[in-house]
Amino acid sequence: MNASSANVTVVLQYRDPFSKAVAKNLIVVVIGISINYINAGLIHTFCKHQYLLSQSATVSQPVGQDPVSEDGDQGSQAD
């Protein structure tokens, strides 16, 4: 085997400048806080409205459909 045909991987060490690294980390923190704020608002809204707590099956139902009753029927069907 020829020594010149060996696989050689060269790793270059590249580091962001301090100000760029701080900016990237600050962006990540701001996005994380924003997501947590939105989630907290959704949880607060869900817990504040008693209708959502008592009728939790309606949260996952598409608009216009009755929730599934306990015996498995799709609500009351008017004929």
Protein backbone atom coordinates (compact mmCIF):
# COMPACT_ATOMS: atom_id res chain seq x y z
CA MET A 1 0.00 0.00 0.00
CA ASN A 2 1.32 3.37 -0.97
CA ALA A 3 1.70 5.93 1.84
CA SER A 4 0.52 8.75 -0.39
CA SER A 5 -2.93 7.14 -0.80
CA ALA A 6 -3.79 7.23 2.92
CA ASN A 7 -6.95 9.06 3.96
CA VAL A 8 -6.02 12.22 5.78
CA THR A 9 -8.55 14.44 7.49
CA VAL A 10 -7.54 17.94 8.37
CA VAL A 11 -9.55 19.59 11.14
CA LEU A 12 -9.49 23.35 11.17
CA GLN A 13 -10.33 25.03 14.45
CA TYR A 14 -12.69 27.91 13.74
CA ARG A 15 -14.14 29.87 16.62
CA ASP A 16 -16.56 32.73 16.42
CA PRO A 17 -15.39 36.06 17.73
CA PHE A 18 -16.62 36.84 21.24
CA SER A 19 -19.22 39.39 20.12
CA LYS A 20 -20.68 37.03 17.51
CA ALA A 21 -20.87 34.17 20.04
CA VAL A 22 -22.66 36.44 22.54
CA ALA A 23 -25.09 37.57 19.85
CA LYS A 24 -25.92 33.97 18.86
CA ASN A 25 -26.44 32.93 22.46
CA LEU A 26 -28.59 36.00 23.13
CA ILE A 27 -30.80 35.15 20.15
CA VAL A 28 -31.26 31.59 21.42
CA VAL A 29 -32.16 32.84 24.90
CA VAL A 30 -34.66 35.40 23.56
CA ILE A 31 -36.33 32.76 21.36
CA GLY A 32 -36.50 30.35 24.33
CA ILE A 33 -38.07 32.97 26.59
CA SER A 34 -40.58 33.87 23.86
CA ILE A 35 -41.63 30.24 23.44
CA ASN A 36 -42.01 29.83 27.20
CA TYR A 37 -44.09 33.03 27.38
CA ILE A 38 -46.43 31.79 24.64
CA ASN A 39 -46.78 28.39 26.33
CA ALA A 40 -47.53 30.03 29.68
CA GLY A 41 -50.20 32.19 28.03
CA LEU A 42 -51.83 29.13 26.49
CA ILE A 43 -51.81 27.26 29.80
CA HIS A 44 -53.19 30.31 31.62
CA THR A 45 -56.01 30.66 29.08
CA PHE A 46 -56.81 26.95 29.25
CA CYS A 47 -56.95 26.96 33.07
CA LYS A 48 -58.88 30.25 33.27
CA HIS A 49 -61.86 29.07 31.23
CA GLN A 50 -63.97 26.50 33.07
CA TYR A 51 -65.59 25.38 29.82
CA LEU A 52 -62.26 24.00 28.58
CA LEU A 53 -61.71 22.16 31.85
CA SER A 54 -65.17 20.59 31.95
CA GLN A 55 -65.40 19.81 28.21
CA SER A 56 -61.82 18.84 27.45
CA ALA A 57 -62.93 16.48 24.66
CA THR A 58 -64.08 19.49 22.64
CA VAL A 59 -60.58 20.91 22.53
CA SER A 60 -59.46 18.22 20.08
CA GLN A 61 -62.70 18.15 18.04
CA PRO A 62 -62.89 19.99 14.72
CA VAL A 63 -65.30 22.92 14.60
CA GLY A 64 -68.90 21.88 13.98
CA GLN A 65 -68.67 18.35 15.39
CA ASP A 66 -70.27 17.23 18.62
CA PRO A 67 -68.00 15.59 21.18
CA VAL A 68 -68.21 11.81 21.50
CA SER A 69 -70.65 10.76 24.22
CA GLU A 70 -69.79 8.17 26.84
CA ASP A 71 -71.57 5.35 24.97
CA GLY A 72 -69.54 5.98 21.82
CA ASP A 73 -72.21 7.74 19.73
CA GLN A 74 -71.33 10.92 17.87
CA GLY A 75 -73.67 13.22 19.81
CA SER A 76 -77.38 13.47 19.13
CA GLN A 77 -78.40 13.07 15.50
CA ALA A 78 -81.53 15.05 14.60
CA ASP A 79 -83.53 13.32 11.86
